[in-house]
mmCIF file of all heavy atoms, coordinates in Angstrom:
data_MODEL
# 
_entry.id   MODEL 
# 
loop_
_atom_site.group_PDB 
_atom_site.id 
_atom_site.type_symbol 
_atom_site.label_atom_id 
_atom_site.label_alt_id 
_atom_site.label_comp_id 
_atom_site.label_asym_id 
_atom_site.label_entity_id 
_atom_site.label_seq_id 
_atom_site.pdbx_PDB_ins_code 
_atom_site.Cartn_x 
_atom_site.Cartn_y 
_atom_site.Cartn_z 
_atom_site.occupancy 
_atom_site.B_iso_or_equiv 
_atom_site.pdbx_formal_charge 
_atom_site.auth_seq_id 
_atom_site.auth_comp_id 
_atom_site.auth_asym_id 
_atom_site.auth_atom_id 
_atom_site.pdbx_PDB_model_num 
ATOM 1   N N   . THR A 1 1  ? 34.953 -93.429  -22.891 1.00 0.00 ? 1  THR A N   1 
ATOM 2   C CA  . THR A 1 1  ? 34.045 -94.482  -22.450 1.00 0.00 ? 1  THR A CA  1 
ATOM 3   C C   . THR A 1 1  ? 34.491 -95.822  -23.022 1.00 0.00 ? 1  THR A C   1 
ATOM 4   O O   . THR A 1 1  ? 34.820 -95.905  -24.207 1.00 0.00 ? 1  THR A O   1 
ATOM 5   C CB  . THR A 1 1  ? 32.609 -94.181  -22.905 1.00 0.00 ? 1  THR A CB  1 
ATOM 6   O OG1 . THR A 1 1  ? 32.245 -92.869  -22.482 1.00 0.00 ? 1  THR A OG1 1 
ATOM 7   C CG2 . THR A 1 1  ? 31.631 -95.185  -22.308 1.00 0.00 ? 1  THR A CG2 1 
ATOM 8   N N   . ILE A 1 2  ? 34.533 -96.848  -22.160 1.00 0.00 ? 2  ILE A N   1 
ATOM 9   C CA  . ILE A 1 2  ? 34.978 -98.158  -22.606 1.00 0.00 ? 2  ILE A CA  1 
ATOM 10  C C   . ILE A 1 2  ? 34.060 -99.233  -22.060 1.00 0.00 ? 2  ILE A C   1 
ATOM 11  O O   . ILE A 1 2  ? 33.305 -99.017  -21.126 1.00 0.00 ? 2  ILE A O   1 
ATOM 12  C CB  . ILE A 1 2  ? 36.440 -98.432  -22.173 1.00 0.00 ? 2  ILE A CB  1 
ATOM 13  C CG1 . ILE A 1 2  ? 36.640 -98.168  -20.666 1.00 0.00 ? 2  ILE A CG1 1 
ATOM 14  C CG2 . ILE A 1 2  ? 37.405 -97.575  -22.950 1.00 0.00 ? 2  ILE A CG2 1 
ATOM 15  C CD1 . ILE A 1 2  ? 36.330 -99.333  -19.763 1.00 0.00 ? 2  ILE A CD1 1 
ATOM 16  N N   . THR A 1 3  ? 34.129 -100.413 -22.686 1.00 0.00 ? 3  THR A N   1 
ATOM 17  C CA  . THR A 1 3  ? 33.406 -101.572 -22.167 1.00 0.00 ? 3  THR A CA  1 
ATOM 18  C C   . THR A 1 3  ? 34.368 -102.631 -21.665 1.00 0.00 ? 3  THR A C   1 
ATOM 19  O O   . THR A 1 3  ? 33.998 -103.479 -20.869 1.00 0.00 ? 3  THR A O   1 
ATOM 20  C CB  . THR A 1 3  ? 32.499 -102.172 -23.245 1.00 0.00 ? 3  THR A CB  1 
ATOM 21  O OG1 . THR A 1 3  ? 33.285 -102.491 -24.405 1.00 0.00 ? 3  THR A OG1 1 
ATOM 22  C CG2 . THR A 1 3  ? 31.394 -101.187 -23.637 1.00 0.00 ? 3  THR A CG2 1 
ATOM 23  N N   . ASN A 1 4  ? 35.602 -102.591 -22.135 1.00 0.00 ? 4  ASN A N   1 
ATOM 24  C CA  . ASN A 1 4  ? 36.640 -103.534 -21.718 1.00 0.00 ? 4  ASN A CA  1 
ATOM 25  C C   . ASN A 1 4  ? 37.561 -102.819 -20.736 1.00 0.00 ? 4  ASN A C   1 
ATOM 26  O O   . ASN A 1 4  ? 38.240 -101.858 -21.104 1.00 0.00 ? 4  ASN A O   1 
ATOM 27  C CB  . ASN A 1 4  ? 37.427 -104.000 -22.942 1.00 0.00 ? 4  ASN A CB  1 
ATOM 28  C CG  . ASN A 1 4  ? 38.546 -104.962 -22.586 1.00 0.00 ? 4  ASN A CG  1 
ATOM 29  O OD1 . ASN A 1 4  ? 38.885 -105.169 -21.422 1.00 0.00 ? 4  ASN A OD1 1 
ATOM 30  N ND2 . ASN A 1 4  ? 39.128 -105.571 -23.598 1.00 0.00 ? 4  ASN A ND2 1 
ATOM 31  N N   . ILE A 1 5  ? 37.585 -103.255 -19.503 1.00 0.00 ? 5  ILE A N   1 
ATOM 32  C CA  . ILE A 1 5  ? 38.324 -102.523 -18.479 1.00 0.00 ? 5  ILE A CA  1 
ATOM 33  C C   . ILE A 1 5  ? 39.828 -102.585 -18.689 1.00 0.00 ? 5  ILE A C   1 
ATOM 34  O O   . ILE A 1 5  ? 40.567 -101.817 -18.076 1.00 0.00 ? 5  ILE A O   1 
ATOM 35  C CB  . ILE A 1 5  ? 37.981 -103.033 -17.065 1.00 0.00 ? 5  ILE A CB  1 
ATOM 36  C CG1 . ILE A 1 5  ? 38.404 -104.488 -16.883 1.00 0.00 ? 5  ILE A CG1 1 
ATOM 37  C CG2 . ILE A 1 5  ? 36.503 -102.836 -16.769 1.00 0.00 ? 5  ILE A CG2 1 
ATOM 38  C CD1 . ILE A 1 5  ? 38.286 -104.969 -15.449 1.00 0.00 ? 5  ILE A CD1 1 
ATOM 39  N N   . TYR A 1 6  ? 40.294 -103.503 -19.552 1.00 0.00 ? 6  TYR A N   1 
ATOM 40  C CA  . TYR A 1 6  ? 41.723 -103.628 -19.818 1.00 0.00 ? 6  TYR A CA  1 
ATOM 41  C C   . TYR A 1 6  ? 42.146 -102.864 -21.077 1.00 0.00 ? 6  TYR A C   1 
ATOM 42  O O   . TYR A 1 6  ? 43.324 -102.829 -21.404 1.00 0.00 ? 6  TYR A O   1 
ATOM 43  C CB  . TYR A 1 6  ? 42.103 -105.099 -19.972 1.00 0.00 ? 6  TYR A CB  1 
ATOM 44  C CG  . TYR A 1 6  ? 41.762 -105.915 -18.755 1.00 0.00 ? 6  TYR A CG  1 
ATOM 45  C CD1 . TYR A 1 6  ? 40.694 -106.822 -18.770 1.00 0.00 ? 6  TYR A CD1 1 
ATOM 46  C CD2 . TYR A 1 6  ? 42.478 -105.765 -17.573 1.00 0.00 ? 6  TYR A CD2 1 
ATOM 47  C CE1 . TYR A 1 6  ? 40.358 -107.543 -17.642 1.00 0.00 ? 6  TYR A CE1 1 
ATOM 48  C CE2 . TYR A 1 6  ? 42.156 -106.501 -16.438 1.00 0.00 ? 6  TYR A CE2 1 
ATOM 49  C CZ  . TYR A 1 6  ? 41.092 -107.378 -16.484 1.00 0.00 ? 6  TYR A CZ  1 
ATOM 50  O OH  . TYR A 1 6  ? 40.758 -108.100 -15.361 1.00 0.00 ? 6  TYR A OH  1 
ATOM 51  N N   . PHE A 1 7  ? 41.205 -102.275 -21.746 1.00 0.00 ? 7  PHE A N   1 
ATOM 52  C CA  . PHE A 1 7  ? 41.485 -101.564 -22.991 1.00 0.00 ? 7  PHE A CA  1 
ATOM 53  C C   . PHE A 1 7  ? 42.215 -100.254 -22.720 1.00 0.00 ? 7  PHE A C   1 
ATOM 54  O O   . PHE A 1 7  ? 41.774 -99.437  -21.905 1.00 0.00 ? 7  PHE A O   1 
ATOM 55  C CB  . PHE A 1 7  ? 40.183 -101.284 -23.735 1.00 0.00 ? 7  PHE A CB  1 
ATOM 56  C CG  . PHE A 1 7  ? 40.350 -100.399 -24.948 1.00 0.00 ? 7  PHE A CG  1 
ATOM 57  C CD1 . PHE A 1 7  ? 40.875 -100.913 -26.125 1.00 0.00 ? 7  PHE A CD1 1 
ATOM 58  C CD2 . PHE A 1 7  ? 39.971 -99.064  -24.917 1.00 0.00 ? 7  PHE A CD2 1 
ATOM 59  C CE1 . PHE A 1 7  ? 41.025 -100.104 -27.245 1.00 0.00 ? 7  PHE A CE1 1 
ATOM 60  C CE2 . PHE A 1 7  ? 40.111 -98.248  -26.008 1.00 0.00 ? 7  PHE A CE2 1 
ATOM 61  C CZ  . PHE A 1 7  ? 40.640 -98.770  -27.190 1.00 0.00 ? 7  PHE A CZ  1 
ATOM 62  N N   . VAL A 1 8  ? 43.341 -100.065 -23.413 1.00 0.00 ? 8  VAL A N   1 
ATOM 63  C CA  . VAL A 1 8  ? 44.037 -98.775  -23.351 1.00 0.00 ? 8  VAL A CA  1 
ATOM 64  C C   . VAL A 1 8  ? 43.960 -98.168  -24.738 1.00 0.00 ? 8  VAL A C   1 
ATOM 65  O O   . VAL A 1 8  ? 44.330 -98.805  -25.719 1.00 0.00 ? 8  VAL A O   1 
ATOM 66  C CB  . VAL A 1 8  ? 45.490 -98.916  -22.871 1.00 0.00 ? 8  VAL A CB  1 
ATOM 67  C CG1 . VAL A 1 8  ? 46.312 -99.852  -23.732 1.00 0.00 ? 8  VAL A CG1 1 
ATOM 68  C CG2 . VAL A 1 8  ? 46.183 -97.549  -22.814 1.00 0.00 ? 8  VAL A CG2 1 
ATOM 69  N N   . PRO A 1 9  ? 43.455 -96.967  -24.854 1.00 0.00 ? 9  PRO A N   1 
ATOM 70  C CA  . PRO A 1 9  ? 43.279 -96.353  -26.171 1.00 0.00 ? 9  PRO A CA  1 
ATOM 71  C C   . PRO A 1 9  ? 44.610 -96.196  -26.898 1.00 0.00 ? 9  PRO A C   1 
ATOM 72  O O   . PRO A 1 9  ? 45.606 -95.769  -26.296 1.00 0.00 ? 9  PRO A O   1 
ATOM 73  C CB  . PRO A 1 9  ? 42.656 -94.999  -25.850 1.00 0.00 ? 9  PRO A CB  1 
ATOM 74  C CG  . PRO A 1 9  ? 42.026 -95.180  -24.503 1.00 0.00 ? 9  PRO A CG  1 
ATOM 75  C CD  . PRO A 1 9  ? 42.931 -96.120  -23.782 1.00 0.00 ? 9  PRO A CD  1 
ATOM 76  N N   . PRO A 1 10 ? 44.651 -96.507  -28.185 1.00 0.00 ? 10 PRO A N   1 
ATOM 77  C CA  . PRO A 1 10 ? 45.870 -96.228  -28.951 1.00 0.00 ? 10 PRO A CA  1 
ATOM 78  C C   . PRO A 1 10 ? 46.073 -94.734  -29.128 1.00 0.00 ? 10 PRO A C   1 
ATOM 79  O O   . PRO A 1 10 ? 45.212 -93.926  -28.784 1.00 0.00 ? 10 PRO A O   1 
ATOM 80  C CB  . PRO A 1 10 ? 45.589 -96.919  -30.297 1.00 0.00 ? 10 PRO A CB  1 
ATOM 81  C CG  . PRO A 1 10 ? 44.111 -97.038  -30.376 1.00 0.00 ? 10 PRO A CG  1 
ATOM 82  C CD  . PRO A 1 10 ? 43.627 -97.178  -28.979 1.00 0.00 ? 10 PRO A CD  1 
ATOM 83  N N   . THR A 1 11 ? 47.196 -94.388  -29.660 1.00 0.00 ? 11 THR A N   1 
ATOM 84  C CA  . THR A 1 11 ? 47.642 -93.000  -29.703 1.00 0.00 ? 11 THR A CA  1 
ATOM 85  C C   . THR A 1 11 ? 46.610 -92.061  -30.328 1.00 0.00 ? 11 THR A C   1 
ATOM 86  O O   . THR A 1 11 ? 46.356 -90.971  -29.799 1.00 0.00 ? 11 THR A O   1 
ATOM 87  C CB  . THR A 1 11 ? 48.957 -92.910  -30.474 1.00 0.00 ? 11 THR A CB  1 
ATOM 88  O OG1 . THR A 1 11 ? 49.925 -93.728  -29.823 1.00 0.00 ? 11 THR A OG1 1 
ATOM 89  C CG2 . THR A 1 11 ? 49.452 -91.479  -30.536 1.00 0.00 ? 11 THR A CG2 1 
ATOM 90  N N   . ARG A 1 12 ? 46.011 -92.452  -31.428 1.00 0.00 ? 12 ARG A N   1 
ATOM 91  C CA  . ARG A 1 12 ? 45.122 -91.557  -32.177 1.00 0.00 ? 12 ARG A CA  1 
ATOM 92  C C   . ARG A 1 12 ? 43.645 -91.794  -31.892 1.00 0.00 ? 12 ARG A C   1 
ATOM 93  O O   . ARG A 1 12 ? 42.785 -91.306  -32.627 1.00 0.00 ? 12 ARG A O   1 
ATOM 94  C CB  . ARG A 1 12 ? 45.393 -91.683  -33.673 1.00 0.00 ? 12 ARG A CB  1 
ATOM 95  C CG  . ARG A 1 12 ? 46.800 -91.282  -34.066 1.00 0.00 ? 12 ARG A CG  1 
ATOM 96  C CD  . ARG A 1 12 ? 46.985 -91.270  -35.563 1.00 0.00 ? 12 ARG A CD  1 
ATOM 97  N NE  . ARG A 1 12 ? 48.348 -90.923  -35.929 1.00 0.00 ? 12 ARG A NE  1 
ATOM 98  C CZ  . ARG A 1 12 ? 48.800 -89.688  -36.023 1.00 0.00 ? 12 ARG A CZ  1 
ATOM 99  N NH1 . ARG A 1 12 ? 47.979 -88.672  -35.808 1.00 0.00 ? 12 ARG A NH1 1 
ATOM 100 N NH2 . ARG A 1 12 ? 50.039 -89.442  -36.353 1.00 0.00 ? 12 ARG A NH2 1 
ATOM 101 N N   . ALA A 1 13 ? 43.344 -92.517  -30.834 1.00 0.00 ? 13 ALA A N   1 
ATOM 102 C CA  . ALA A 1 13 ? 41.947 -92.800  -30.511 1.00 0.00 ? 13 ALA A CA  1 
ATOM 103 C C   . ALA A 1 13 ? 41.229 -91.540  -30.051 1.00 0.00 ? 13 ALA A C   1 
ATOM 104 O O   . ALA A 1 13 ? 41.816 -90.684  -29.386 1.00 0.00 ? 13 ALA A O   1 
ATOM 105 C CB  . ALA A 1 13 ? 41.880 -93.862  -29.411 1.00 0.00 ? 13 ALA A CB  1 
ATOM 106 N N   . PRO A 1 14 ? 39.968 -91.391  -30.404 1.00 0.00 ? 14 PRO A N   1 
ATOM 107 C CA  . PRO A 1 14 ? 39.200 -90.238  -29.927 1.00 0.00 ? 14 PRO A CA  1 
ATOM 108 C C   . PRO A 1 14 ? 38.801 -90.409  -28.459 1.00 0.00 ? 14 PRO A C   1 
ATOM 109 O O   . PRO A 1 14 ? 38.688 -91.529  -27.970 1.00 0.00 ? 14 PRO A O   1 
ATOM 110 C CB  . PRO A 1 14 ? 37.963 -90.251  -30.834 1.00 0.00 ? 14 PRO A CB  1 
ATOM 111 C CG  . PRO A 1 14 ? 37.799 -91.695  -31.192 1.00 0.00 ? 14 PRO A CG  1 
ATOM 112 C CD  . PRO A 1 14 ? 39.183 -92.262  -31.288 1.00 0.00 ? 14 PRO A CD  1 
ATOM 113 N N   . TYR A 1 15 ? 38.591 -89.292  -27.802 1.00 0.00 ? 15 TYR A N   1 
ATOM 114 C CA  . TYR A 1 15 ? 38.142 -89.280  -26.421 1.00 0.00 ? 15 TYR A CA  1 
ATOM 115 C C   . TYR A 1 15 ? 36.817 -88.521  -26.329 1.00 0.00 ? 15 TYR A C   1 
ATOM 116 O O   . TYR A 1 15 ? 36.512 -87.686  -27.161 1.00 0.00 ? 15 TYR A O   1 
ATOM 117 C CB  . TYR A 1 15 ? 39.192 -88.626  -25.523 1.00 0.00 ? 15 TYR A CB  1 
ATOM 118 C CG  . TYR A 1 15 ? 40.367 -89.536  -25.229 1.00 0.00 ? 15 TYR A CG  1 
ATOM 119 C CD1 . TYR A 1 15 ? 41.328 -89.794  -26.206 1.00 0.00 ? 15 TYR A CD1 1 
ATOM 120 C CD2 . TYR A 1 15 ? 40.500 -90.145  -23.977 1.00 0.00 ? 15 TYR A CD2 1 
ATOM 121 C CE1 . TYR A 1 15 ? 42.391 -90.635  -25.942 1.00 0.00 ? 15 TYR A CE1 1 
ATOM 122 C CE2 . TYR A 1 15 ? 41.572 -90.981  -23.713 1.00 0.00 ? 15 TYR A CE2 1 
ATOM 123 C CZ  . TYR A 1 15 ? 42.507 -91.223  -24.693 1.00 0.00 ? 15 TYR A CZ  1 
ATOM 124 O OH  . TYR A 1 15 ? 43.561 -92.065  -24.439 1.00 0.00 ? 15 TYR A OH  1 
ATOM 125 N N   . ASP A 1 16 ? 36.059 -88.839  -25.293 1.00 0.00 ? 16 ASP A N   1 
ATOM 126 C CA  . ASP A 1 16 ? 34.714 -88.286  -25.158 1.00 0.00 ? 16 ASP A CA  1 
ATOM 127 C C   . ASP A 1 16 ? 34.677 -86.983  -24.364 1.00 0.00 ? 16 ASP A C   1 
ATOM 128 O O   . ASP A 1 16 ? 33.843 -86.119  -24.621 1.00 0.00 ? 16 ASP A O   1 
ATOM 129 C CB  . ASP A 1 16 ? 33.801 -89.312  -24.486 1.00 0.00 ? 16 ASP A CB  1 
ATOM 130 C CG  . ASP A 1 16 ? 33.719 -90.607  -25.266 1.00 0.00 ? 16 ASP A CG  1 
ATOM 131 O OD1 . ASP A 1 16 ? 33.395 -90.544  -26.469 1.00 0.00 ? 16 ASP A OD1 1 
ATOM 132 O OD2 . ASP A 1 16 ? 33.993 -91.682  -24.684 1.00 0.00 ? 16 ASP A OD2 1 
ATOM 133 N N   . TYR A 1 17 ? 35.540 -86.859  -23.374 1.00 0.00 ? 17 TYR A N   1 
ATOM 134 C CA  . TYR A 1 17 ? 35.502 -85.694  -22.485 1.00 0.00 ? 17 TYR A CA  1 
ATOM 135 C C   . TYR A 1 17 ? 36.921 -85.171  -22.274 1.00 0.00 ? 17 TYR A C   1 
ATOM 136 O O   . TYR A 1 17 ? 37.881 -85.937  -22.210 1.00 0.00 ? 17 TYR A O   1 
ATOM 137 C CB  . TYR A 1 17 ? 34.880 -86.075  -21.137 1.00 0.00 ? 17 TYR A CB  1 
ATOM 138 C CG  . TYR A 1 17 ? 33.518 -86.701  -21.259 1.00 0.00 ? 17 TYR A CG  1 
ATOM 139 C CD1 . TYR A 1 17 ? 33.346 -88.072  -21.096 1.00 0.00 ? 17 TYR A CD1 1 
ATOM 140 C CD2 . TYR A 1 17 ? 32.392 -85.921  -21.542 1.00 0.00 ? 17 TYR A CD2 1 
ATOM 141 C CE1 . TYR A 1 17 ? 32.095 -88.653  -21.214 1.00 0.00 ? 17 TYR A CE1 1 
ATOM 142 C CE2 . TYR A 1 17 ? 31.136 -86.504  -21.663 1.00 0.00 ? 17 TYR A CE2 1 
ATOM 143 C CZ  . TYR A 1 17 ? 31.003 -87.862  -21.512 1.00 0.00 ? 17 TYR A CZ  1 
ATOM 144 O OH  . TYR A 1 17 ? 29.762 -88.432  -21.635 1.00 0.00 ? 17 TYR A OH  1 
ATOM 145 N N   . TRP A 1 18 ? 36.988 -83.859  -22.089 1.00 0.00 ? 18 TRP A N   1 
ATOM 146 C CA  . TRP A 1 18 ? 38.282 -83.186  -21.941 1.00 0.00 ? 18 TRP A CA  1 
ATOM 147 C C   . TRP A 1 18 ? 38.239 -82.192  -20.784 1.00 0.00 ? 18 TRP A C   1 
ATOM 148 O O   . TRP A 1 18 ? 37.203 -81.595  -20.494 1.00 0.00 ? 18 TRP A O   1 
ATOM 149 C CB  . TRP A 1 18 ? 38.623 -82.419  -23.216 1.00 0.00 ? 18 TRP A CB  1 
ATOM 150 C CG  . TRP A 1 18 ? 38.882 -83.317  -24.378 1.00 0.00 ? 18 TRP A CG  1 
ATOM 151 C CD1 . TRP A 1 18 ? 37.951 -83.884  -25.204 1.00 0.00 ? 18 TRP A CD1 1 
ATOM 152 C CD2 . TRP A 1 18 ? 40.156 -83.780  -24.831 1.00 0.00 ? 18 TRP A CD2 1 
ATOM 153 N NE1 . TRP A 1 18 ? 38.564 -84.666  -26.151 1.00 0.00 ? 18 TRP A NE1 1 
ATOM 154 C CE2 . TRP A 1 18 ? 39.925 -84.618  -25.953 1.00 0.00 ? 18 TRP A CE2 1 
ATOM 155 C CE3 . TRP A 1 18 ? 41.468 -83.565  -24.410 1.00 0.00 ? 18 TRP A CE3 1 
ATOM 156 C CZ2 . TRP A 1 18 ? 40.953 -85.238  -26.629 1.00 0.00 ? 18 TRP A CZ2 1 
ATOM 157 C CZ3 . TRP A 1 18 ? 42.486 -84.181  -25.093 1.00 0.00 ? 18 TRP A CZ3 1 
ATOM 158 C CH2 . TRP A 1 18 ? 42.232 -85.009  -26.197 1.00 0.00 ? 18 TRP A CH2 1 
ATOM 159 N N   . GLY A 1 19 ? 39.408 -82.022  -20.152 1.00 0.00 ? 19 GLY A N   1 
ATOM 160 C CA  . GLY A 1 19 ? 39.546 -80.983  -19.148 1.00 0.00 ? 19 GLY A CA  1 
ATOM 161 C C   . GLY A 1 19 ? 39.954 -79.660  -19.785 1.00 0.00 ? 19 GLY A C   1 
ATOM 162 O O   . GLY A 1 19 ? 40.147 -79.578  -21.004 1.00 0.00 ? 19 GLY A O   1 
ATOM 163 N N   . GLN A 1 20 ? 40.100 -78.654  -18.945 1.00 0.00 ? 20 GLN A N   1 
ATOM 164 C CA  . GLN A 1 20 ? 40.454 -77.312  -19.419 1.00 0.00 ? 20 GLN A CA  1 
ATOM 165 C C   . GLN A 1 20 ? 41.963 -77.119  -19.563 1.00 0.00 ? 20 GLN A C   1 
ATOM 166 O O   . GLN A 1 20 ? 42.403 -76.158  -20.194 1.00 0.00 ? 20 GLN A O   1 
ATOM 167 C CB  . GLN A 1 20 ? 39.884 -76.264  -18.464 1.00 0.00 ? 20 GLN A CB  1 
ATOM 168 C CG  . GLN A 1 20 ? 38.368 -76.216  -18.480 1.00 0.00 ? 20 GLN A CG  1 
ATOM 169 C CD  . GLN A 1 20 ? 37.813 -75.847  -19.828 1.00 0.00 ? 20 GLN A CD  1 
ATOM 170 O OE1 . GLN A 1 20 ? 38.210 -74.858  -20.434 1.00 0.00 ? 20 GLN A OE1 1 
ATOM 171 N NE2 . GLN A 1 20 ? 36.902 -76.673  -20.344 1.00 0.00 ? 20 GLN A NE2 1 
ATOM 172 N N   . GLY A 1 21 ? 42.734 -77.985  -18.964 1.00 0.00 ? 21 GLY A N   1 
ATOM 173 C CA  . GLY A 1 21 ? 44.179 -77.912  -19.105 1.00 0.00 ? 21 GLY A CA  1 
ATOM 174 C C   . GLY A 1 21 ? 44.869 -77.249  -17.938 1.00 0.00 ? 21 GLY A C   1 
ATOM 175 O O   . GLY A 1 21 ? 44.289 -76.432  -17.214 1.00 0.00 ? 21 GLY A O   1 
ATOM 176 N N   . THR A 1 22 ? 46.144 -77.602  -17.768 1.00 0.00 ? 22 THR A N   1 
ATOM 177 C CA  . THR A 1 22 ? 46.993 -76.987  -16.752 1.00 0.00 ? 22 THR A CA  1 
ATOM 178 C C   . THR A 1 22 ? 48.346 -76.715  -17.386 1.00 0.00 ? 22 THR A C   1 
ATOM 179 O O   . THR A 1 22 ? 48.888 -77.539  -18.121 1.00 0.00 ? 22 THR A O   1 
ATOM 180 C CB  . THR A 1 22 ? 47.110 -77.888  -15.502 1.00 0.00 ? 22 THR A CB  1 
ATOM 181 O OG1 . THR A 1 22 ? 47.849 -77.208  -14.494 1.00 0.00 ? 22 THR A OG1 1 
ATOM 182 C CG2 . THR A 1 22 ? 47.792 -79.215  -15.805 1.00 0.00 ? 22 THR A CG2 1 
ATOM 183 N N   . GLN A 1 23 ? 48.896 -75.542  -17.104 1.00 0.00 ? 23 GLN A N   1 
ATOM 184 C CA  . GLN A 1 23 ? 50.140 -75.114  -17.744 1.00 0.00 ? 23 GLN A CA  1 
ATOM 185 C C   . GLN A 1 23 ? 51.344 -75.732  -17.045 1.00 0.00 ? 23 GLN A C   1 
ATOM 186 O O   . GLN A 1 23 ? 51.457 -75.689  -15.811 1.00 0.00 ? 23 GLN A O   1 
ATOM 187 C CB  . GLN A 1 23 ? 50.257 -73.600  -17.709 1.00 0.00 ? 23 GLN A CB  1 
ATOM 188 C CG  . GLN A 1 23 ? 51.565 -73.048  -18.277 1.00 0.00 ? 23 GLN A CG  1 
ATOM 189 C CD  . GLN A 1 23 ? 51.651 -73.210  -19.784 1.00 0.00 ? 23 GLN A CD  1 
ATOM 190 O OE1 . GLN A 1 23 ? 50.717 -72.887  -20.509 1.00 0.00 ? 23 GLN A OE1 1 
ATOM 191 N NE2 . GLN A 1 23 ? 52.790 -73.697  -20.265 1.00 0.00 ? 23 GLN A NE2 1 
ATOM 192 N N   . VAL A 1 24 ? 52.239 -76.292  -17.845 1.00 0.00 ? 24 VAL A N   1 
ATOM 193 C CA  . VAL A 1 24 ? 53.524 -76.784  -17.363 1.00 0.00 ? 24 VAL A CA  1 
ATOM 194 C C   . VAL A 1 24 ? 54.609 -76.021  -18.111 1.00 0.00 ? 24 VAL A C   1 
ATOM 195 O O   . VAL A 1 24 ? 54.635 -76.019  -19.345 1.00 0.00 ? 24 VAL A O   1 
ATOM 196 C CB  . VAL A 1 24 ? 53.677 -78.297  -17.591 1.00 0.00 ? 24 VAL A CB  1 
ATOM 197 C CG1 . VAL A 1 24 ? 55.103 -78.747  -17.282 1.00 0.00 ? 24 VAL A CG1 1 
ATOM 198 C CG2 . VAL A 1 24 ? 52.679 -79.067  -16.735 1.00 0.00 ? 24 VAL A CG2 1 
# 
């Protein structure tokens, strides 16, 4: 979740939601 539409999270930033994953 962000308030600044130009903000890109840095490498170690936490995220709010995650998917289940896909195998590559």
